[in-house]
């Protein structure tokens, strides 16, 4: 399996001039390792699951640029319809990286609901994505990323990510956000 931060580093290092919409966990990691912060939209807490929809809008508005979304399995479960819309509209400049770690990592590591036989890659293929890739190790992913970026999309890249949620992972607990929000309201 791939460490999430390693996947984000690889994507950022090979992005060129691509715009990156980073949802949830990758949204907390991208600002740490980005090579082009002015082209990043770290989207994390504002709207879980909407990174794929935002990236679709950017891909349609800017057909002259590659648009990448670093989505998570938990986020994508919150907006499964986006796969159908992306497949139907078929923007050739969109690359959908899906980080599959099996947990809601940003909120503390709760397990995702399990459905026997469910596969995001198969869903993306059936929805109309012409390019599907699966990786479970960083070395193979990095060897193939330039080829993936050069493809005409939409492209779906399923990355099997370490499900860790310990002290080595930068994430914010929901309770910390609520406490900070309450403090800000009390001061105003």
N, C-alpha and C. Protein backbone atom coordinates (compact mmCIF):
# COMPACT_ATOMS: atom_id res chain seq x y z
N UNK A 1 0.84 -1.19 0.00
CA UNK A 1 0.00 0.00 0.00
C UNK A 1 0.88 1.25 0.00
N UNK A 2 0.31 2.34 -0.44
CA UNK A 2 1.01 3.60 -0.60
C UNK A 2 0.68 4.52 0.58
N UNK A 3 1.67 5.19 1.11
CA UNK A 3 1.41 6.24 2.10
C UNK A 3 0.73 7.40 1.38
N UNK A 4 -0.28 7.96 1.99
CA UNK A 4 -1.02 9.06 1.38
C UNK A 4 -0.10 10.22 1.01
N UNK A 5 0.76 10.62 1.92
CA UNK A 5 1.66 11.74 1.66
C UNK A 5 2.58 11.44 0.47
N UNK A 6 3.02 10.19 0.32
CA UNK A 6 3.86 9.83 -0.82
C UNK A 6 3.08 9.99 -2.13
N UNK A 7 1.83 9.57 -2.15
CA UNK A 7 1.01 9.73 -3.35
C UNK A 7 0.84 11.20 -3.71
N UNK A 8 0.59 12.03 -2.71
CA UNK A 8 0.43 13.47 -2.94
C UNK A 8 1.74 14.07 -3.47
N UNK A 9 2.87 13.65 -2.92
CA UNK A 9 4.17 14.14 -3.41
C UNK A 9 4.39 13.77 -4.88
N UNK A 10 4.06 12.54 -5.23
CA UNK A 10 4.25 12.09 -6.61
C UNK A 10 3.36 12.89 -7.56
N UNK A 11 2.12 13.05 -7.20
CA UNK A 11 1.20 13.82 -8.04
C UNK A 11 1.69 15.25 -8.21
N UNK A 12 2.08 15.88 -7.10
CA UNK A 12 2.54 17.27 -7.16
C UNK A 12 3.83 17.40 -7.98
N UNK A 13 4.74 16.45 -7.84
CA UNK A 13 6.02 16.52 -8.55
C UNK A 13 5.86 16.37 -10.07
N UNK A 14 4.81 15.68 -10.50
CA UNK A 14 4.63 15.40 -11.93
C UNK A 14 3.51 16.23 -12.58
N UNK A 15 2.93 17.11 -11.88
CA UNK A 15 1.73 17.83 -12.32
C UNK A 15 1.93 18.80 -13.46
N UNK A 16 3.12 19.34 -13.62
CA UNK A 16 3.34 20.38 -14.62
C UNK A 16 2.52 21.61 -14.27
N UNK A 17 1.67 22.05 -15.19
CA UNK A 17 0.83 23.23 -15.00
C UNK A 17 -0.60 22.88 -14.57
N UNK A 18 -0.82 21.63 -14.17
CA UNK A 18 -2.17 21.19 -13.83
C UNK A 18 -2.69 21.86 -12.56
N UNK A 19 -3.99 22.11 -12.58
CA UNK A 19 -4.70 22.56 -11.38
C UNK A 19 -4.98 21.33 -10.53
N UNK A 20 -4.87 21.46 -9.20
CA UNK A 20 -5.18 20.34 -8.31
C UNK A 20 -6.24 20.76 -7.31
N UNK A 21 -7.34 20.01 -7.29
CA UNK A 21 -8.37 20.14 -6.26
C UNK A 21 -8.11 18.98 -5.29
N UNK A 22 -7.78 19.29 -4.06
CA UNK A 22 -7.41 18.27 -3.08
C UNK A 22 -8.48 18.18 -2.01
N UNK A 23 -9.21 17.07 -2.00
CA UNK A 23 -10.30 16.85 -1.08
C UNK A 23 -9.81 16.13 0.18
N UNK A 24 -10.31 16.50 1.31
CA UNK A 24 -10.10 15.88 2.62
C UNK A 24 -8.63 15.61 2.93
N UNK A 25 -8.21 14.35 3.19
CA UNK A 25 -6.84 14.07 3.62
C UNK A 25 -5.80 14.65 2.67
N UNK A 26 -5.88 14.41 1.36
CA UNK A 26 -4.88 15.04 0.49
C UNK A 26 -4.91 16.57 0.56
N UNK A 27 -6.06 17.13 0.93
CA UNK A 27 -6.17 18.57 1.09
C UNK A 27 -5.38 19.09 2.28
N UNK A 28 -5.15 18.24 3.27
CA UNK A 28 -4.31 18.64 4.40
C UNK A 28 -2.84 18.42 4.10
N UNK A 29 -2.55 17.50 3.16
CA UNK A 29 -1.16 17.17 2.84
C UNK A 29 -0.59 17.99 1.69
N UNK A 30 -1.39 18.33 0.71
CA UNK A 30 -0.90 19.06 -0.45
C UNK A 30 -0.20 20.37 -0.08
N UNK A 31 -0.76 21.19 0.83
CA UNK A 31 -0.06 22.44 1.16
C UNK A 31 1.34 22.23 1.74
N UNK A 32 1.62 21.05 2.29
CA UNK A 32 2.92 20.75 2.87
C UNK A 32 3.96 20.45 1.79
N UNK A 33 3.54 19.81 0.68
CA UNK A 33 4.50 19.32 -0.32
C UNK A 33 4.34 19.93 -1.71
N UNK A 34 3.40 20.82 -1.90
CA UNK A 34 3.08 21.31 -3.24
C UNK A 34 4.27 21.94 -3.95
N UNK A 35 4.28 21.78 -5.26
CA UNK A 35 5.28 22.45 -6.10
C UNK A 35 4.71 23.71 -6.73
N UNK A 36 3.38 23.88 -6.68
CA UNK A 36 2.73 25.03 -7.30
C UNK A 36 1.53 25.47 -6.46
N UNK A 37 1.74 26.08 -5.31
CA UNK A 37 0.61 26.42 -4.43
C UNK A 37 -0.42 27.35 -5.09
N UNK A 38 0.01 28.14 -6.05
CA UNK A 38 -0.92 29.06 -6.70
C UNK A 38 -1.91 28.32 -7.61
N UNK A 39 -1.64 27.05 -7.90
CA UNK A 39 -2.53 26.26 -8.75
C UNK A 39 -3.31 25.21 -7.95
N UNK A 40 -3.28 25.32 -6.63
CA UNK A 40 -3.91 24.34 -5.75
C UNK A 40 -5.19 24.88 -5.13
N UNK A 41 -6.15 23.99 -4.98
CA UNK A 41 -7.36 24.29 -4.23
C UNK A 41 -7.53 23.18 -3.19
N UNK A 42 -6.87 23.33 -2.01
CA UNK A 42 -7.06 22.33 -0.95
C UNK A 42 -8.44 22.54 -0.34
N UNK A 43 -9.30 21.59 -0.51
CA UNK A 43 -10.73 21.73 -0.34
C UNK A 43 -11.26 21.14 0.95
N UNK A 44 -10.46 20.47 1.70
CA UNK A 44 -10.81 19.54 2.75
C UNK A 44 -12.13 19.74 3.49
N UNK A 45 -12.21 20.49 4.57
CA UNK A 45 -13.38 20.45 5.44
C UNK A 45 -14.62 21.13 4.88
N UNK A 46 -14.46 22.01 3.97
CA UNK A 46 -15.58 22.84 3.54
C UNK A 46 -16.74 22.04 2.97
N UNK A 47 -16.48 21.00 2.21
CA UNK A 47 -17.56 20.27 1.55
C UNK A 47 -17.11 18.86 1.20
N UNK A 48 -17.09 17.99 2.18
CA UNK A 48 -16.63 16.62 1.97
C UNK A 48 -17.34 15.97 0.78
N UNK A 49 -16.54 15.48 -0.16
CA UNK A 49 -17.09 14.78 -1.30
C UNK A 49 -17.33 15.65 -2.52
N UNK A 50 -17.15 16.93 -2.40
CA UNK A 50 -17.46 17.82 -3.53
C UNK A 50 -16.24 18.13 -4.39
N UNK A 51 -15.08 17.61 -4.03
CA UNK A 51 -13.88 17.85 -4.83
C UNK A 51 -14.03 17.39 -6.27
N UNK A 52 -14.66 16.25 -6.47
CA UNK A 52 -14.84 15.74 -7.84
C UNK A 52 -15.77 16.65 -8.64
N UNK A 53 -16.80 17.18 -8.00
CA UNK A 53 -17.71 18.10 -8.70
C UNK A 53 -17.02 19.42 -9.03
N UNK A 54 -16.25 19.94 -8.09
CA UNK A 54 -15.52 21.19 -8.32
C UNK A 54 -14.50 20.99 -9.44
N UNK A 55 -13.81 19.86 -9.42
CA UNK A 55 -12.81 19.61 -10.48
C UNK A 55 -13.47 19.47 -11.84
N UNK A 56 -14.66 18.88 -11.89
CA UNK A 56 -15.39 18.80 -13.16
C UNK A 56 -15.69 20.20 -13.68
N UNK A 57 -16.17 21.08 -12.81
CA UNK A 57 -16.45 22.46 -13.23
C UNK A 57 -15.21 23.16 -13.75
N UNK A 58 -14.08 22.97 -13.07
CA UNK A 58 -12.82 23.57 -13.53
C UNK A 58 -12.38 22.99 -14.87
N UNK A 59 -12.52 21.67 -15.03
CA UNK A 59 -12.12 21.03 -16.28
C UNK A 59 -12.94 21.55 -17.46
N UNK A 60 -14.22 21.79 -17.22
CA UNK A 60 -15.08 22.31 -18.29
C UNK A 60 -14.79 23.79 -18.56
N UNK A 61 -14.50 24.54 -17.50
CA UNK A 61 -14.23 25.97 -17.66
C UNK A 61 -12.84 26.24 -18.25
N UNK A 62 -11.91 25.32 -17.99
CA UNK A 62 -10.53 25.50 -18.47
C UNK A 62 -10.07 24.28 -19.28
N UNK A 63 -10.65 24.06 -20.45
CA UNK A 63 -10.27 22.89 -21.25
C UNK A 63 -8.82 22.92 -21.72
N UNK A 64 -8.17 24.08 -21.58
CA UNK A 64 -6.77 24.24 -21.97
C UNK A 64 -5.80 23.72 -20.92
N UNK A 65 -6.29 23.32 -19.73
CA UNK A 65 -5.42 22.88 -18.64
C UNK A 65 -5.84 21.52 -18.14
N UNK A 66 -4.86 20.74 -17.70
CA UNK A 66 -5.18 19.51 -16.97
C UNK A 66 -5.73 19.91 -15.61
N UNK A 67 -6.72 19.16 -15.16
CA UNK A 67 -7.29 19.35 -13.83
C UNK A 67 -7.23 18.00 -13.14
N UNK A 68 -6.68 18.00 -11.93
CA UNK A 68 -6.56 16.78 -11.14
C UNK A 68 -7.36 16.95 -9.87
N UNK A 69 -8.01 15.88 -9.46
CA UNK A 69 -8.66 15.87 -8.15
C UNK A 69 -8.07 14.71 -7.36
N UNK A 70 -7.66 15.00 -6.14
CA UNK A 70 -7.21 13.96 -5.22
C UNK A 70 -8.36 13.73 -4.25
N UNK A 71 -9.15 12.74 -4.56
CA UNK A 71 -10.37 12.41 -3.85
C UNK A 71 -10.08 11.27 -2.87
N UNK A 72 -10.96 11.03 -1.95
CA UNK A 72 -10.83 9.90 -1.02
C UNK A 72 -12.06 9.02 -1.12
N UNK A 73 -11.90 7.76 -0.74
CA UNK A 73 -13.02 6.83 -0.84
C UNK A 73 -14.21 7.29 -0.01
N UNK A 74 -13.97 7.78 1.21
CA UNK A 74 -15.07 8.27 2.04
C UNK A 74 -15.74 9.49 1.44
N UNK A 75 -14.95 10.38 0.88
CA UNK A 75 -15.51 11.57 0.22
C UNK A 75 -16.34 11.18 -0.99
N UNK A 76 -15.80 10.27 -1.78
CA UNK A 76 -16.50 9.86 -2.99
C UNK A 76 -17.82 9.15 -2.65
N UNK A 77 -17.84 8.41 -1.54
CA UNK A 77 -19.10 7.80 -1.11
C UNK A 77 -20.16 8.85 -0.82
N UNK A 78 -19.74 10.03 -0.42
CA UNK A 78 -20.68 11.11 -0.13
C UNK A 78 -21.18 11.82 -1.39
N UNK A 79 -20.62 11.48 -2.54
CA UNK A 79 -21.01 12.15 -3.79
C UNK A 79 -20.82 11.21 -4.98
N UNK A 80 -21.34 9.99 -4.87
CA UNK A 80 -21.15 9.00 -5.93
C UNK A 80 -21.69 9.45 -7.29
N UNK A 81 -22.70 10.30 -7.27
CA UNK A 81 -23.26 10.77 -8.53
C UNK A 81 -22.27 11.52 -9.38
N UNK A 82 -21.22 12.06 -8.77
CA UNK A 82 -20.23 12.81 -9.55
C UNK A 82 -19.53 11.91 -10.57
N UNK A 83 -19.34 10.64 -10.23
CA UNK A 83 -18.70 9.72 -11.17
C UNK A 83 -19.56 9.58 -12.43
N UNK A 84 -20.86 9.47 -12.25
CA UNK A 84 -21.76 9.35 -13.40
C UNK A 84 -21.73 10.62 -14.25
N UNK A 85 -21.72 11.76 -13.60
CA UNK A 85 -21.71 13.03 -14.32
C UNK A 85 -20.40 13.20 -15.08
N UNK A 86 -19.28 12.93 -14.41
CA UNK A 86 -17.97 13.06 -15.06
C UNK A 86 -17.88 12.11 -16.26
N UNK A 87 -18.30 10.87 -16.07
CA UNK A 87 -18.27 9.90 -17.17
C UNK A 87 -19.15 10.33 -18.34
N UNK A 88 -20.28 10.93 -18.04
CA UNK A 88 -21.22 11.36 -19.07
C UNK A 88 -20.70 12.57 -19.85
N UNK A 89 -20.17 13.54 -19.14
CA UNK A 89 -19.66 14.77 -19.77
C UNK A 89 -18.30 14.52 -20.42
N UNK A 90 -17.51 13.62 -19.84
CA UNK A 90 -16.22 13.16 -20.38
C UNK A 90 -15.21 14.26 -20.69
N UNK A 91 -14.85 15.08 -19.71
CA UNK A 91 -13.81 16.08 -19.99
C UNK A 91 -12.46 15.39 -20.21
N UNK A 92 -11.82 15.63 -21.34
CA UNK A 92 -10.57 14.94 -21.65
C UNK A 92 -9.39 15.38 -20.79
N UNK A 93 -9.55 16.49 -20.08
CA UNK A 93 -8.45 17.05 -19.29
C UNK A 93 -8.55 16.73 -17.80
N UNK A 94 -9.46 15.85 -17.39
CA UNK A 94 -9.68 15.56 -15.96
C UNK A 94 -9.04 14.24 -15.56
N UNK A 95 -8.27 14.27 -14.48
CA UNK A 95 -7.69 13.07 -13.87
C UNK A 95 -8.21 12.98 -12.44
N UNK A 96 -8.87 11.88 -12.13
CA UNK A 96 -9.52 11.65 -10.85
C UNK A 96 -8.70 10.63 -10.06
N UNK A 97 -7.87 11.11 -9.13
CA UNK A 97 -7.10 10.23 -8.26
C UNK A 97 -7.97 9.91 -7.05
N UNK A 98 -8.22 8.62 -6.78
CA UNK A 98 -9.04 8.23 -5.64
C UNK A 98 -8.18 7.46 -4.65
N UNK A 99 -8.05 8.05 -3.44
CA UNK A 99 -7.24 7.48 -2.37
C UNK A 99 -8.13 6.52 -1.57
N UNK A 100 -7.88 5.23 -1.72
CA UNK A 100 -8.69 4.19 -1.07
C UNK A 100 -7.96 3.70 0.18
N UNK A 101 -8.40 4.19 1.34
CA UNK A 101 -7.80 3.73 2.59
C UNK A 101 -8.80 3.02 3.50
N UNK A 102 -10.05 2.96 3.10
CA UNK A 102 -11.04 2.20 3.85
C UNK A 102 -11.56 2.87 5.12
N UNK A 103 -11.12 4.11 5.38
CA UNK A 103 -11.55 4.80 6.60
C UNK A 103 -11.85 6.27 6.31
N UNK A 104 -12.58 6.88 7.21
CA UNK A 104 -12.75 8.34 7.21
C UNK A 104 -11.59 8.89 8.04
N UNK A 105 -10.44 9.04 7.41
CA UNK A 105 -9.23 9.39 8.16
C UNK A 105 -9.29 10.77 8.79
N UNK A 106 -9.79 11.76 8.10
CA UNK A 106 -9.77 13.13 8.62
C UNK A 106 -10.63 13.31 9.86
N UNK A 107 -11.59 12.45 10.05
CA UNK A 107 -12.45 12.60 11.23
C UNK A 107 -12.11 11.61 12.34
N UNK A 108 -10.99 10.92 12.20
CA UNK A 108 -10.54 10.05 13.28
C UNK A 108 -10.37 8.59 12.94
N UNK A 109 -10.57 8.20 11.70
CA UNK A 109 -10.27 6.83 11.30
C UNK A 109 -11.40 5.83 11.37
N UNK A 110 -12.65 6.31 11.39
CA UNK A 110 -13.77 5.38 11.42
C UNK A 110 -13.80 4.58 10.12
N UNK A 111 -14.15 3.28 10.23
CA UNK A 111 -14.23 2.43 9.05
C UNK A 111 -15.37 2.87 8.14
N UNK A 112 -15.14 2.76 6.84
CA UNK A 112 -16.20 3.01 5.86
C UNK A 112 -17.17 1.84 5.86
N UNK A 113 -18.41 2.08 5.47
CA UNK A 113 -19.32 0.95 5.31
C UNK A 113 -18.79 0.03 4.21
N UNK A 114 -18.88 -1.26 4.43
CA UNK A 114 -18.37 -2.23 3.47
C UNK A 114 -19.52 -2.87 2.70
N UNK A 115 -19.35 -2.94 1.40
CA UNK A 115 -20.30 -3.61 0.55
C UNK A 115 -19.52 -4.66 -0.23
N UNK A 116 -19.89 -5.91 -0.08
CA UNK A 116 -19.18 -7.00 -0.73
C UNK A 116 -19.18 -6.82 -2.25
N UNK A 117 -17.99 -6.88 -2.84
CA UNK A 117 -17.88 -6.81 -4.28
C UNK A 117 -17.86 -5.40 -4.85
N UNK A 118 -18.05 -4.38 -4.02
CA UNK A 118 -18.06 -3.00 -4.53
C UNK A 118 -16.64 -2.58 -4.92
N UNK A 119 -16.50 -1.96 -6.08
CA UNK A 119 -15.20 -1.56 -6.57
C UNK A 119 -15.34 -0.20 -7.27
N UNK A 120 -14.65 0.81 -6.76
CA UNK A 120 -14.71 2.15 -7.35
C UNK A 120 -14.23 2.15 -8.80
N UNK A 121 -13.20 1.38 -9.11
CA UNK A 121 -12.68 1.35 -10.48
C UNK A 121 -13.72 0.82 -11.46
N UNK A 122 -14.42 -0.23 -11.06
CA UNK A 122 -15.47 -0.79 -11.90
C UNK A 122 -16.60 0.22 -12.09
N UNK A 123 -16.95 0.92 -11.02
CA UNK A 123 -17.99 1.94 -11.11
C UNK A 123 -17.58 3.04 -12.09
N UNK A 124 -16.33 3.50 -12.00
CA UNK A 124 -15.85 4.55 -12.90
C UNK A 124 -15.86 4.05 -14.35
N UNK A 125 -15.46 2.82 -14.57
CA UNK A 125 -15.46 2.25 -15.92
C UNK A 125 -16.89 2.19 -16.47
N UNK A 126 -17.81 1.70 -15.66
CA UNK A 126 -19.21 1.59 -16.09
C UNK A 126 -19.83 2.97 -16.30
N UNK A 127 -19.33 3.98 -15.58
CA UNK A 127 -19.86 5.34 -15.73
C UNK A 127 -19.34 6.03 -16.99
N UNK A 128 -18.30 5.47 -17.61
CA UNK A 128 -17.83 6.05 -18.87
C UNK A 128 -16.42 6.60 -18.86
N UNK A 129 -15.68 6.46 -17.76
CA UNK A 129 -14.27 6.86 -17.78
C UNK A 129 -13.53 5.90 -18.72
N UNK A 130 -12.85 6.41 -19.74
CA UNK A 130 -12.17 5.51 -20.68
C UNK A 130 -10.87 4.92 -20.14
N UNK A 131 -10.28 5.55 -19.14
CA UNK A 131 -8.98 5.11 -18.61
C UNK A 131 -9.10 4.82 -17.12
N UNK A 132 -8.76 3.61 -16.74
CA UNK A 132 -8.80 3.19 -15.35
C UNK A 132 -7.44 2.60 -15.00
N UNK A 133 -6.88 3.04 -13.88
CA UNK A 133 -5.59 2.52 -13.41
C UNK A 133 -5.71 2.21 -11.93
N UNK A 134 -5.01 1.16 -11.49
CA UNK A 134 -4.98 0.79 -10.07
C UNK A 134 -3.53 0.60 -9.64
N UNK A 135 -3.19 1.18 -8.49
CA UNK A 135 -1.83 1.04 -7.96
C UNK A 135 -1.88 0.79 -6.47
N UNK A 136 -0.98 -0.07 -6.03
CA UNK A 136 -0.88 -0.33 -4.59
C UNK A 136 0.54 -0.14 -4.08
N UNK A 137 1.45 0.33 -4.94
CA UNK A 137 2.79 0.68 -4.47
C UNK A 137 3.26 1.96 -5.16
N UNK A 138 3.98 2.75 -4.39
CA UNK A 138 4.39 4.08 -4.86
C UNK A 138 5.33 4.02 -6.06
N UNK A 139 6.23 3.05 -6.08
CA UNK A 139 7.21 2.96 -7.17
C UNK A 139 6.52 2.74 -8.52
N UNK A 140 5.59 1.81 -8.58
CA UNK A 140 4.87 1.55 -9.83
C UNK A 140 4.02 2.74 -10.22
N UNK A 141 3.39 3.36 -9.25
CA UNK A 141 2.58 4.55 -9.51
C UNK A 141 3.45 5.64 -10.14
N UNK A 142 4.59 5.92 -9.53
CA UNK A 142 5.45 6.98 -10.06
C UNK A 142 5.99 6.65 -11.45
N UNK A 143 6.27 5.39 -11.72
CA UNK A 143 6.75 4.99 -13.05
C UNK A 143 5.70 5.22 -14.13
N UNK A 144 4.43 5.23 -13.75
CA UNK A 144 3.33 5.34 -14.72
C UNK A 144 2.65 6.69 -14.77
N UNK A 145 2.95 7.59 -13.85
CA UNK A 145 2.16 8.82 -13.75
C UNK A 145 2.29 9.72 -14.97
N UNK A 146 3.46 9.80 -15.57
CA UNK A 146 3.60 10.67 -16.75
C UNK A 146 2.73 10.16 -17.91
N UNK A 147 2.66 8.85 -18.07
CA UNK A 147 1.78 8.25 -19.08
C UNK A 147 0.32 8.59 -18.78
N UNK A 148 -0.06 8.47 -17.51
CA UNK A 148 -1.44 8.76 -17.10
C UNK A 148 -1.79 10.22 -17.38
N UNK A 149 -0.90 11.12 -17.05
CA UNK A 149 -1.16 12.55 -17.27
C UNK A 149 -1.30 12.87 -18.75
N UNK A 150 -0.59 12.15 -19.59
CA UNK A 150 -0.64 12.40 -21.04
C UNK A 150 -1.91 11.86 -21.70
N UNK A 151 -2.63 10.95 -21.03
CA UNK A 151 -3.84 10.37 -21.61
C UNK A 151 -4.94 11.41 -21.77
N UNK A 152 -5.81 11.16 -22.74
CA UNK A 152 -7.03 11.94 -22.87
C UNK A 152 -8.07 11.28 -21.97
N UNK A 153 -8.64 12.05 -21.07
CA UNK A 153 -9.52 11.50 -20.05
C UNK A 153 -10.98 11.60 -20.39
N UNK A 154 -11.81 11.47 -19.38
CA UNK A 154 -11.42 11.45 -17.98
C UNK A 154 -10.72 10.15 -17.60
N UNK A 155 -9.81 10.28 -16.67
CA UNK A 155 -9.01 9.16 -16.21
C UNK A 155 -9.27 8.96 -14.72
N UNK A 156 -9.44 7.70 -14.31
CA UNK A 156 -9.66 7.35 -12.91
C UNK A 156 -8.46 6.54 -12.43
N UNK A 157 -7.81 7.02 -11.37
CA UNK A 157 -6.63 6.35 -10.82
C UNK A 157 -6.96 5.94 -9.38
N UNK A 158 -7.08 4.64 -9.19
CA UNK A 158 -7.43 4.06 -7.89
C UNK A 158 -6.13 3.74 -7.15
N UNK A 159 -5.88 4.45 -6.06
CA UNK A 159 -4.65 4.26 -5.28
C UNK A 159 -4.99 3.58 -3.96
N UNK A 160 -4.38 2.43 -3.70
CA UNK A 160 -4.60 1.73 -2.43
C UNK A 160 -3.66 2.35 -1.40
N UNK A 161 -4.26 3.02 -0.41
CA UNK A 161 -3.53 3.84 0.55
C UNK A 161 -3.52 3.19 1.93
N UNK A 162 -2.43 3.36 2.66
CA UNK A 162 -2.33 2.88 4.05
C UNK A 162 -3.44 3.55 4.85
N UNK A 163 -4.21 2.78 5.63
CA UNK A 163 -5.35 3.36 6.34
C UNK A 163 -4.99 4.07 7.63
N UNK A 164 -3.74 4.37 7.87
CA UNK A 164 -3.30 4.95 9.13
C UNK A 164 -3.99 6.24 9.53
N UNK A 165 -4.03 6.43 10.82
CA UNK A 165 -4.66 7.62 11.36
C UNK A 165 -3.97 8.03 12.65
N UNK A 166 -2.70 7.70 12.78
CA UNK A 166 -1.98 7.96 14.02
C UNK A 166 -1.33 9.32 14.05
N UNK A 167 -0.40 9.53 14.97
CA UNK A 167 0.22 10.85 15.16
C UNK A 167 1.10 11.29 14.00
N UNK A 168 1.49 10.39 13.10
CA UNK A 168 2.32 10.77 11.96
C UNK A 168 1.52 11.30 10.80
N UNK A 169 0.21 11.37 10.94
CA UNK A 169 -0.65 11.82 9.87
C UNK A 169 -1.26 13.18 10.23
N UNK A 170 -1.06 14.18 9.38
CA UNK A 170 -1.65 15.48 9.67
C UNK A 170 -3.14 15.49 9.36
N UNK A 171 -3.95 15.51 10.38
CA UNK A 171 -5.38 15.65 10.18
C UNK A 171 -5.96 16.43 11.35
N UNK A 172 -7.10 16.98 11.14
CA UNK A 172 -7.76 17.79 12.16
C UNK A 172 -8.99 17.05 12.63
N UNK A 173 -9.18 16.97 13.92
CA UNK A 173 -10.38 16.34 14.46
C UNK A 173 -11.55 17.31 14.35
N UNK A 174 -12.72 16.77 14.07
CA UNK A 174 -13.92 17.60 13.96
C UNK A 174 -14.14 18.39 15.25
N UNK A 175 -13.91 17.76 16.39
CA UNK A 175 -14.12 18.46 17.66
C UNK A 175 -13.22 19.68 17.79
N UNK A 176 -11.99 19.61 17.26
CA UNK A 176 -11.09 20.76 17.29
C UNK A 176 -11.65 21.90 16.45
N UNK A 177 -12.22 21.57 15.29
CA UNK A 177 -12.83 22.59 14.42
C UNK A 177 -14.02 23.24 15.11
N UNK A 178 -14.85 22.43 15.74
CA UNK A 178 -16.03 22.96 16.43
C UNK A 178 -15.60 23.87 17.57
N UNK A 179 -14.60 23.45 18.33
CA UNK A 179 -14.11 24.28 19.44
C UNK A 179 -13.56 25.62 18.94
N UNK A 180 -12.78 25.58 17.86
CA UNK A 180 -12.22 26.82 17.30
C UNK A 180 -13.33 27.72 16.78
N UNK A 181 -14.34 27.15 16.16
CA UNK A 181 -15.47 27.91 15.65
C UNK A 181 -16.23 28.58 16.80
N UNK A 182 -16.47 27.84 17.86
CA UNK A 182 -17.16 28.41 19.03
C UNK A 182 -16.37 29.56 19.63
N UNK A 183 -15.05 29.39 19.72
CA UNK A 183 -14.20 30.45 20.26
C UNK A 183 -14.28 31.71 19.39
N UNK A 184 -14.23 31.54 18.09
CA UNK A 184 -14.30 32.67 17.17
C UNK A 184 -15.65 33.39 17.31
N UNK A 185 -16.73 32.64 17.44
CA UNK A 185 -18.05 33.25 17.60
C UNK A 185 -18.16 34.01 18.93
N UNK A 186 -17.57 33.45 19.96
CA UNK A 186 -17.63 34.09 21.27
C UNK A 186 -16.87 35.41 21.30
N UNK A 187 -15.83 35.52 20.47
CA UNK A 187 -15.03 36.74 20.43
C UNK A 187 -15.65 37.83 19.57
N UNK A 188 -16.60 37.47 18.70
CA UNK A 188 -17.15 38.47 17.79
C UNK A 188 -18.47 39.02 18.24
